[in-house]
Each structure stands twice: as C-alpha cells, then as structure tokens.
Amino acid sequence: MTPPETAPARSPRRLVVTDVDSTFIQQEVIELLAEHAGTRDQVAAVTERAMRGELDFAASLRERVATLRGVPVTALDEVRAAVRLSPGAAELVAECQRRGWAFGLVSGGFEEIVRPLAAGLGIDRVRANRLEIADGALTGRTLGPVIDRGVKAETLRAWAAEEGVDLADTVAVGDGANDLDMLGVAGVGIAYRAKPVVRAQADHAIEDRLDEVLAIVDTLTPAR
C-alpha cells in the first residue's frame, strides 16, 4: 500500500525590517543633503565613523544635521529624485507582499525622504528621524527622539507584536553599527554590504542583491 503523501511543511508568516541608507537605498541621504550645504566631505567622514561603531550615533547625527542649517526645503525634492534603490530592493518588497509577509523600513535617516519612497512601494510601516523646518529651510535640528540602535530594536519588537509575528520569525537587514541591536533581536539578522563589525555579528551576510534575503530565509527549517 502506498503511504499517503505528507503535506508540505509550511513556512511561518514573517516580518522583514530593513535599514534604509546604504541598505534599502544605495546612498546616505544626509550626505545628499549636505551637498546643498557644502559640507558633504565633513558629513561623510562622520557617517563612516558612526557606521563603524566608533561614534555614538545620536551625537553624530546631531553634529551632522547641524551642518544642514539654512538648506532650503526645496532641496528635499532634489534628494528624493536622486535616491536609488539597492539592487533587488523592489523585488524583495514585492515578493514579501505576495507571500503575505509584513515589511517595514526603519531608518536613522529622515522621514521626509523615506516615507514617500515607502509609499511608492506600498510599504506602510516606516520609522525615521524628522527634520525641523522653519521659514522654508532646515534649522539644523531634528524633531523627537533620535532613531538610534536601541530604538530600531524596539521598533522591530513593536511591529512584530502588532503583526502577531513571533520574534523568531522576524528578519532584520542592515549595514552599520546602528543596526546591530535590531539584527540581534530578530530571529534572522542579515548584514548587507555591511561594515566589518556588522558582518562579524550578523547571522548571515550578503553583498550583491537585497532579495538574496529570501534565499536565506527559505533555507531555514520551517517553524511550526
């Protein structure tokens, strides 16, 4: 007698959360803004040190944003137009949506850039810093709490709870030291084109396309 076929194992519904600057997109938005202030080299040097974990992120963000004082708000439109998705980013989102998975962007960058980008891809979970604007120009300050490594991890936890997804079934992707807590909290932490300190601590590392995340997740033993 032929035994009945075993039903295929079902993968759990997942929550995928990615960093934005130098992960979901190819650039650092603050450096694009700094071009309009004539401070790009200065800002890029501080960003590099912060992403390597050599500087406190919140303090480094305040230092960098301060150089943007007086940049006209119209520069935001130019930066939005200049942003380029990382290879495989749109495909990753589309496939997660097809599978019914939740997807979110959490960024130490700026909501003014990230939210329109997310909306264009059908992503409704977004958390990022907000720039203070007065009299048609940036003030050189941000509004509200800084989205640092601790806040990123808290955000992943909160979104997982809201979506009813176990932390074991969450996936986090990032490139810099500001992502380490989030990668550590997630069930699967993936470094993408990351700094050495992040590659060393992440569960997995990829360099080419962002949608390689799916191949990693799909090789995992299906849970429950």
C-alpha atoms as a PDB file:
ATOM      1  CA  MET A   1       0.000   0.000   0.000  1.00  0.00           C
ATOM      2  CA  THR A   2       1.365   3.387  -0.973  1.00  0.00           C
ATOM      3  CA  PRO A   3       1.671   5.682   2.058  1.00  0.00           C
ATOM      4  CA  PRO A   4      -0.267   8.928   1.829  1.00  0.00           C
ATOM      5  CA  GLU A   5       1.685  11.969   0.729  1.00  0.00           C
ATOM      6  CA  THR A   6       2.958  14.112   3.538  1.00  0.00           C
ATOM      7  CA  ALA A   7       1.614  17.639   3.449  1.00  0.00           C
ATOM      8  CA  PRO A   8       4.382  20.131   2.606  1.00  0.00           C
ATOM      9  CA  ALA A   9       5.853  21.972   5.545  1.00  0.00           C
ATOM     10  CA  ARG A  10       4.514  25.475   5.822  1.00  0.00           C
ATOM     11  CA  SER A  11       6.783  28.410   6.407  1.00  0.00           C
ATOM     12  CA  PRO A  12       5.632  30.877   9.041  1.00  0.00           C
ATOM     13  CA  ARG A  13       4.379  34.343   8.215  1.00  0.00           C
ATOM     14  CA  ARG A  14       7.287  36.705   8.711  1.00  0.00           C
ATOM     15  CA  LEU A  15       8.101  40.337   9.378  1.00  0.00           C
ATOM     16  CA  VAL A  16      11.036  41.718   7.381  1.00  0.00           C
ATOM     17  CA  VAL A  17      12.541  45.020   8.552  1.00  0.00           C
ATOM     18  CA  THR A  18      15.386  46.725   6.734  1.00  0.00           C
ATOM     19  CA  ASP A  19      17.561  49.718   7.379  1.00  0.00           C
ATOM     20  CA  VAL A  20      17.333  52.339   4.631  1.00  0.00           C
ATOM     21  CA  ASP A  21      20.516  54.332   3.923  1.00  0.00           C
ATOM     22  CA  SER A  22      23.176  52.139   2.280  1.00  0.00           C
ATOM     23  CA  THR A  23      20.855  49.144   2.689  1.00  0.00           C
ATOM     24  CA  PHE A  24      17.451  49.616   1.073  1.00  0.00           C
ATOM     25  CA  ILE A  25      18.852  52.532  -0.936  1.00  0.00           C
ATOM     26  CA  GLN A  26      22.360  52.967  -2.277  1.00  0.00           C
ATOM     27  CA  GLN A  27      23.101  56.392  -0.795  1.00  0.00           C
ATOM     28  CA  GLU A  28      23.320  58.110   2.580  1.00  0.00           C
ATOM     29  CA  VAL A  29      20.576  60.728   2.452  1.00  0.00           C
ATOM     30  CA  ILE A  30      22.297  63.030   4.901  1.00  0.00           C
ATOM     31  CA  GLU A  31      25.272  63.209   2.539  1.00  0.00           C
ATOM     32  CA  LEU A  32      22.996  64.138  -0.363  1.00  0.00           C
ATOM     33  CA  LEU A  33      21.520  66.923   1.765  1.00  0.00           C
ATOM     34  CA  ALA A  34      24.987  68.009   2.847  1.00  0.00           C
ATOM     35  CA  GLU A  35      25.881  68.654  -0.782  1.00  0.00           C
ATOM     36  CA  HIS A  36      23.427  71.546  -0.630  1.00  0.00           C
ATOM     37  CA  ALA A  37      25.189  72.907   2.446  1.00  0.00           C
ATOM     38  CA  GLY A  38      28.718  72.438   1.102  1.00  0.00           C
ATOM     39  CA  THR A  39      29.511  70.038   3.945  1.00  0.00           C
ATOM     40  CA  ARG A  40      29.391  66.640   2.252  1.00  0.00           C
ATOM     41  CA  ASP A  41      33.003  65.655   2.936  1.00  0.00           C
ATOM     42  CA  GLN A  42      32.701  66.614   6.590  1.00  0.00           C
ATOM     43  CA  VAL A  43      29.414  64.767   6.987  1.00  0.00           C
ATOM     44  CA  ALA A  44      30.606  61.674   5.097  1.00  0.00           C
ATOM     45  CA  ALA A  45      33.618  61.324   7.386  1.00  0.00           C
ATOM     46  CA  VAL A  46      31.423  61.423  10.497  1.00  0.00           C
ATOM     47  CA  THR A  47      28.910  59.000   8.950  1.00  0.00           C
ATOM     48  CA  GLU A  48      31.660  56.498   8.177  1.00  0.00           C
ATOM     49  CA  ARG A  49      32.936  56.567  11.759  1.00  0.00           C
ATOM     50  CA  ALA A  50      29.403  56.228  13.164  1.00  0.00           C
ATOM     51  CA  MET A  51      28.605  53.229  10.947  1.00  0.00           C
ATOM     52  CA  ARG A  52      31.830  51.532  12.027  1.00  0.00           C
ATOM     53  CA  GLY A  53      30.695  51.953  15.626  1.00  0.00           C
ATOM     54  CA  GLU A  54      33.399  54.455  16.547  1.00  0.00           C
ATOM     55  CA  LEU A  55      30.967  57.256  17.466  1.00  0.00           C
ATOM     56  CA  ASP A  56      27.706  57.446  19.392  1.00  0.00           C
ATOM     57  CA  PHE A  57      25.017  57.562  16.708  1.00  0.00           C
ATOM     58  CA  ALA A  58      22.749  60.152  18.339  1.00  0.00           C
ATOM     59  CA  ALA A  59      25.622  62.561  18.968  1.00  0.00           C
ATOM     60  CA  SER A  60      26.989  62.054  15.464  1.00  0.00           C
ATOM     61  CA  LEU A  61      23.559  62.672  13.952  1.00  0.00           C
ATOM     62  CA  ARG A  62      23.191  65.959  15.808  1.00  0.00           C
ATOM     63  CA  GLU A  63      26.648  67.007  14.631  1.00  0.00           C
ATOM     64  CA  ARG A  64      25.873  66.174  11.019  1.00  0.00           C
ATOM     65  CA  VAL A  65      22.381  67.665  10.959  1.00  0.00           C
ATOM     66  CA  ALA A  66      23.704  70.903  12.444  1.00  0.00           C
ATOM     67  CA  THR A  67      25.690  71.431   9.233  1.00  0.00           C
ATOM     68  CA  LEU A  68      22.416  71.461   7.268  1.00  0.00           C
ATOM     69  CA  ARG A  69      21.136  74.650   8.843  1.00  0.00           C
ATOM     70  CA  GLY A  70      19.816  77.001   6.174  1.00  0.00           C
ATOM     71  CA  VAL A  71      19.439  74.390   3.435  1.00  0.00           C
ATOM     72  CA  PRO A  72      16.212  75.285   1.586  1.00  0.00           C
ATOM     73  CA  VAL A  73      13.355  72.837   1.965  1.00  0.00           C
ATOM     74  CA  THR A  74      13.269  72.514  -1.845  1.00  0.00           C
ATOM     75  CA  ALA A  75      16.481  70.503  -1.558  1.00  0.00           C
ATOM     76  CA  LEU A  76      14.373  67.634  -0.214  1.00  0.00           C
ATOM     77  CA  ASP A  77      12.722  67.281  -3.624  1.00  0.00           C
ATOM     78  CA  GLU A  78      16.114  67.065  -5.309  1.00  0.00           C
ATOM     79  CA  VAL A  79      17.294  64.449  -2.827  1.00  0.00           C
ATOM     80  CA  ARG A  80      14.161  62.352  -3.335  1.00  0.00           C
ATOM     81  CA  ALA A  81      14.806  62.406  -7.074  1.00  0.00           C
ATOM     82  CA  ALA A  82      18.439  61.364  -6.563  1.00  0.00           C
ATOM     83  CA  VAL A  83      17.754  58.367  -4.337  1.00  0.00           C
ATOM     84  CA  ARG A  84      18.324  54.970  -5.962  1.00  0.00           C
ATOM     85  CA  LEU A  85      17.067  51.663  -4.597  1.00  0.00           C
ATOM     86  CA  SER A  86      19.630  48.960  -3.949  1.00  0.00           C
ATOM     87  CA  PRO A  87      19.587  46.055  -6.428  1.00  0.00           C
ATOM     88  CA  GLY A  88      16.793  43.667  -5.522  1.00  0.00           C
ATOM     89  CA  ALA A  89      15.077  46.032  -3.054  1.00  0.00           C
ATOM     90  CA  ALA A  90      11.834  46.418  -5.006  1.00  0.00           C
ATOM     91  CA  GLU A  91      11.807  42.709  -5.795  1.00  0.00           C
ATOM     92  CA  LEU A  92      12.216  41.849  -2.111  1.00  0.00           C
ATOM     93  CA  VAL A  93       9.265  44.022  -1.157  1.00  0.00           C
ATOM     94  CA  ALA A  94       7.072  42.650  -3.937  1.00  0.00           C
ATOM     95  CA  GLU A  95       7.778  39.039  -3.009  1.00  0.00           C
ATOM     96  CA  CYS A  96       7.203  39.660   0.707  1.00  0.00           C
ATOM     97  CA  GLN A  97       3.875  41.254  -0.169  1.00  0.00           C
ATOM     98  CA  ARG A  98       2.983  38.323  -2.439  1.00  0.00           C
ATOM     99  CA  ARG A  99       3.651  35.931   0.431  1.00  0.00           C
ATOM    100  CA  GLY A 100       1.553  37.985   2.824  1.00  0.00           C
ATOM    101  CA  TRP A 101       4.544  38.922   4.971  1.00  0.00           C
ATOM    102  CA  ALA A 102       4.796  42.221   6.803  1.00  0.00           C
ATOM    103  CA  PHE A 103       7.527  44.613   5.688  1.00  0.00           C
ATOM    104  CA  GLY A 104       8.919  47.752   7.310  1.00  0.00           C
ATOM    105  CA  LEU A 105      11.643  50.348   6.930  1.00  0.00           C
ATOM    106  CA  VAL A 106      13.394  51.748   9.976  1.00  0.00           C
ATOM    107  CA  SER A 107      15.993  54.431   9.437  1.00  0.00           C
ATOM    108  CA  GLY A 108      18.454  56.691  11.153  1.00  0.00           C
ATOM    109  CA  GLY A 109      17.811  58.887   8.112  1.00  0.00           C
ATOM    110  CA  PHE A 110      14.831  61.121   7.540  1.00  0.00           C
ATOM    111  CA  GLU A 111      11.113  60.528   7.268  1.00  0.00           C
ATOM    112  CA  GLU A 112      10.792  63.300   4.699  1.00  0.00           C
ATOM    113  CA  ILE A 113      12.680  61.073   2.251  1.00  0.00           C
ATOM    114  CA  VAL A 114      11.826  57.584   3.482  1.00  0.00           C
ATOM    115  CA  ARG A 115       8.032  57.864   3.758  1.00  0.00           C
ATOM    116  CA  PRO A 116       7.391  58.935   0.117  1.00  0.00           C
ATOM    117  CA  LEU A 117       9.795  56.220  -1.041  1.00  0.00           C
ATOM    118  CA  ALA A 118       7.939  53.637   1.041  1.00  0.00           C
ATOM    119  CA  ALA A 119       4.528  54.800  -0.140  1.00  0.00           C
ATOM    120  CA  GLY A 120       5.572  54.273  -3.747  1.00  0.00           C
ATOM    121  CA  LEU A 121       6.285  50.621  -2.966  1.00  0.00           C
ATOM    122  CA  GLY A 122       3.198  50.004  -0.841  1.00  0.00           C
ATOM    123  CA  ILE A 123       5.132  49.930   2.445  1.00  0.00           C
ATOM    124  CA  ASP A 124       3.162  51.425   5.321  1.00  0.00           C
ATOM    125  CA  ARG A 125       5.440  50.623   8.258  1.00  0.00           C
ATOM    126  CA  VAL A 126       8.065  53.369   8.438  1.00  0.00           C
ATOM    127  CA  ARG A 127      10.044  54.893  11.273  1.00  0.00           C
ATOM    128  CA  ALA A 128      12.765  57.522  10.763  1.00  0.00           C
ATOM    129  CA  ASN A 129      14.048  60.809  12.123  1.00  0.00           C
ATOM    130  CA  ARG A 130      12.204  64.026  11.305  1.00  0.00           C
ATOM    131  CA  LEU A 131      13.898  67.219  10.223  1.00  0.00           C
ATOM    132  CA  GLU A 132      12.886  70.503  11.800  1.00  0.00           C
ATOM    133  CA  ILE A 133      11.886  73.087   9.188  1.00  0.00           C
ATOM    134  CA  ALA A 134      11.189  76.790   9.701  1.00  0.00           C
ATOM    135  CA  ASP A 135      10.750  79.638   7.234  1.00  0.00           C
ATOM    136  CA  GLY A 136      11.300  77.335   4.268  1.00  0.00           C
ATOM    137  CA  ALA A 137      14.664  75.984   5.411  1.00  0.00           C
ATOM    138  CA  LEU A 138      16.194  73.286   7.596  1.00  0.00           C
ATOM    139  CA  THR A 139      17.050  74.512  11.091  1.00  0.00           C
ATOM    140  CA  GLY A 140      19.911  72.087  11.674  1.00  0.00           C
ATOM    141  CA  ARG A 141      17.887  70.130  14.242  1.00  0.00           C
ATOM    142  CA  THR A 142      15.658  67.067  14.307  1.00  0.00           C
ATOM    143  CA  LEU A 143      12.295  66.604  15.995  1.00  0.00           C
ATOM    144  CA  GLY A 144      11.527  63.907  18.545  1.00  0.00           C
ATOM    145  CA  PRO A 145      13.712  61.039  19.704  1.00  0.00           C
ATOM    146  CA  VAL A 146      16.687  60.040  17.579  1.00  0.00           C
ATOM    147  CA  ILE A 147      16.229  56.690  15.843  1.00  0.00           C
ATOM    148  CA  ASP A 148      19.342  55.004  17.187  1.00  0.00           C
ATOM    149  CA  ARG A 149      20.228  51.332  17.547  1.00  0.00           C
ATOM    150  CA  GLY A 150      18.073  50.859  20.635  1.00  0.00           C
ATOM    151  CA  VAL A 151      15.023  52.461  19.022  1.00  0.00           C
ATOM    152  CA  LYS A 152      15.468  50.320  15.912  1.00  0.00           C
ATOM    153  CA  ALA A 153      15.367  47.164  18.038  1.00  0.00           C
ATOM    154  CA  GLU A 154      12.339  48.441  19.961  1.00  0.00           C
ATOM    155  CA  THR A 155      10.592  49.202  16.673  1.00  0.00           C
ATOM    156  CA  LEU A 156      11.127  45.688  15.363  1.00  0.00           C
ATOM    157  CA  ARG A 157       9.713  44.256  18.594  1.00  0.00           C
ATOM    158  CA  ALA A 158       6.690  46.562  18.463  1.00  0.00           C
ATOM    159  CA  TRP A 159       5.916  45.829  14.822  1.00  0.00           C
ATOM    160  CA  ALA A 160       6.220  42.080  15.416  1.00  0.00           C
ATOM    161  CA  ALA A 161       3.732  42.318  18.275  1.00  0.00           C
ATOM    162  CA  GLU A 162       1.325  44.398  16.186  1.00  0.00           C
ATOM    163  CA  GLU A 163       1.544  41.921  13.307  1.00  0.00           C
ATOM    164  CA  GLY A 164       1.234  38.864  15.541  1.00  0.00           C
ATOM    165  CA  VAL A 165       4.603  37.559  14.355  1.00  0.00           C
ATOM    166  CA  ASP A 166       6.895  35.735  16.780  1.00  0.00           C
ATOM    167  CA  LEU A 167      10.321  37.340  17.149  1.00  0.00           C
ATOM    168  CA  ALA A 168      11.793  34.033  15.986  1.00  0.00           C
ATOM    169  CA  ASP A 169      10.075  34.648  12.649  1.00  0.00           C
ATOM    170  CA  THR A 170      11.375  38.175  12.141  1.00  0.00           C
ATOM    171  CA  VAL A 171      14.139  39.142   9.723  1.00  0.00           C
ATOM    172  CA  ALA A 172      16.276  42.274  10.044  1.00  0.00           C
ATOM    173  CA  VAL A 173      18.703  43.621   7.444  1.00  0.00           C
ATOM    174  CA  GLY A 174      21.271  46.379   7.901  1.00  0.00           C
ATOM    175  CA  ASP A 175      24.779  47.600   7.175  1.00  0.00           C
ATOM    176  CA  GLY A 176      26.046  49.697  10.072  1.00  0.00           C
ATOM    177  CA  ALA A 177      26.637  49.633  13.812  1.00  0.00           C
ATOM    178  CA  ASN A 178      23.312  51.430  14.317  1.00  0.00           C
ATOM    179  CA  ASP A 179      21.621  48.215  13.115  1.00  0.00           C
ATOM    180  CA  LEU A 180      23.348  45.779  15.465  1.00  0.00           C
ATOM    181  CA  ASP A 181      20.698  45.700  18.207  1.00  0.00           C
ATOM    182  CA  MET A 182      17.940  45.166  15.632  1.00  0.00           C
ATOM    183  CA  LEU A 183      19.879  42.354  13.970  1.00  0.00           C
ATOM    184  CA  GLY A 184      20.457  40.786  17.366  1.00  0.00           C
ATOM    185  CA  VAL A 185      16.785  40.907  18.375  1.00  0.00           C
ATOM    186  CA  ALA A 186      15.486  39.472  15.081  1.00  0.00           C
ATOM    187  CA  GLY A 187      15.145  35.765  14.523  1.00  0.00           C
ATOM    188  CA  VAL A 188      17.390  36.182  11.479  1.00  0.00           C
ATOM    189  CA  GLY A 189      19.895  39.039  11.277  1.00  0.00           C
ATOM    190  CA  ILE A 190      21.381  39.707   7.843  1.00  0.00           C
ATOM    191  CA  ALA A 191      24.241  42.068   7.009  1.00  0.00           C
ATOM    192  CA  TYR A 192      24.029  43.692   3.572  1.00  0.00           C
ATOM    193  CA  ARG A 193      27.165  45.298   2.104  1.00  0.00           C
ATOM    194  CA  ALA A 194      27.982  45.884   5.715  1.00  0.00           C
ATOM    195  CA  LYS A 195      30.789  47.251   7.841  1.00  0.00           C
ATOM    196  CA  PRO A 196      33.123  44.574   9.267  1.00  0.00           C
ATOM    197  CA  VAL A 197      31.693  44.918  12.778  1.00  0.00           C
ATOM    198  CA  VAL A 198      28.229  44.110  11.412  1.00  0.00           C
ATOM    199  CA  ARG A 199      29.316  41.209   9.203  1.00  0.00           C
ATOM    200  CA  ALA A 200      31.074  39.688  12.203  1.00  0.00           C
ATOM    201  CA  GLN A 201      27.946  39.744  14.378  1.00  0.00           C
ATOM    202  CA  ALA A 202      25.148  39.040  11.885  1.00  0.00           C
ATOM    203  CA  ASP A 203      23.761  35.552  11.306  1.00  0.00           C
ATOM    204  CA  HIS A 204      24.300  35.905   7.553  1.00  0.00           C
ATOM    205  CA  ALA A 205      25.948  38.347   5.150  1.00  0.00           C
ATOM    206  CA  ILE A 206      25.144  39.182   1.528  1.00  0.00           C
ATOM    207  CA  GLU A 207      26.825  41.560  -0.897  1.00  0.00           C
ATOM    208  CA  ASP A 208      25.014  41.547  -4.238  1.00  0.00           C
ATOM    209  CA  ARG A 209      21.228  41.851  -4.260  1.00  0.00           C
ATOM    210  CA  LEU A 210      18.882  42.618  -1.393  1.00  0.00           C
ATOM    211  CA  ASP A 211      16.394  39.965  -2.461  1.00  0.00           C
ATOM    212  CA  GLU A 212      19.018  37.342  -1.629  1.00  0.00           C
ATOM    213  CA  VAL A 213      17.410  37.680   1.798  1.00  0.00           C
ATOM    214  CA  LEU A 214      14.636  35.415   0.503  1.00  0.00           C
ATOM    215  CA  ALA A 215      17.018  32.603  -0.389  1.00  0.00           C
ATOM    216  CA  ILE A 216      18.472  32.718   3.121  1.00  0.00           C
ATOM    217  CA  VAL A 217      15.082  32.682   4.777  1.00  0.00           C
ATOM    218  CA  ASP A 218      13.826  29.893   2.514  1.00  0.00           C
ATOM    219  CA  THR A 219      16.688  27.606   3.503  1.00  0.00           C
ATOM    220  CA  LEU A 220      15.774  27.817   7.165  1.00  0.00           C
ATOM    221  CA  THR A 221      13.904  24.948   8.759  1.00  0.00           C
ATOM    222  CA  PRO A 222      10.211  25.840   8.596  1.00  0.00           C
ATOM    223  CA  ALA A 223       8.925  26.773  12.015  1.00  0.00           C
ATOM    224  CA  ARG A 224       5.693  25.440  13.452  1.00  0.00           C
END
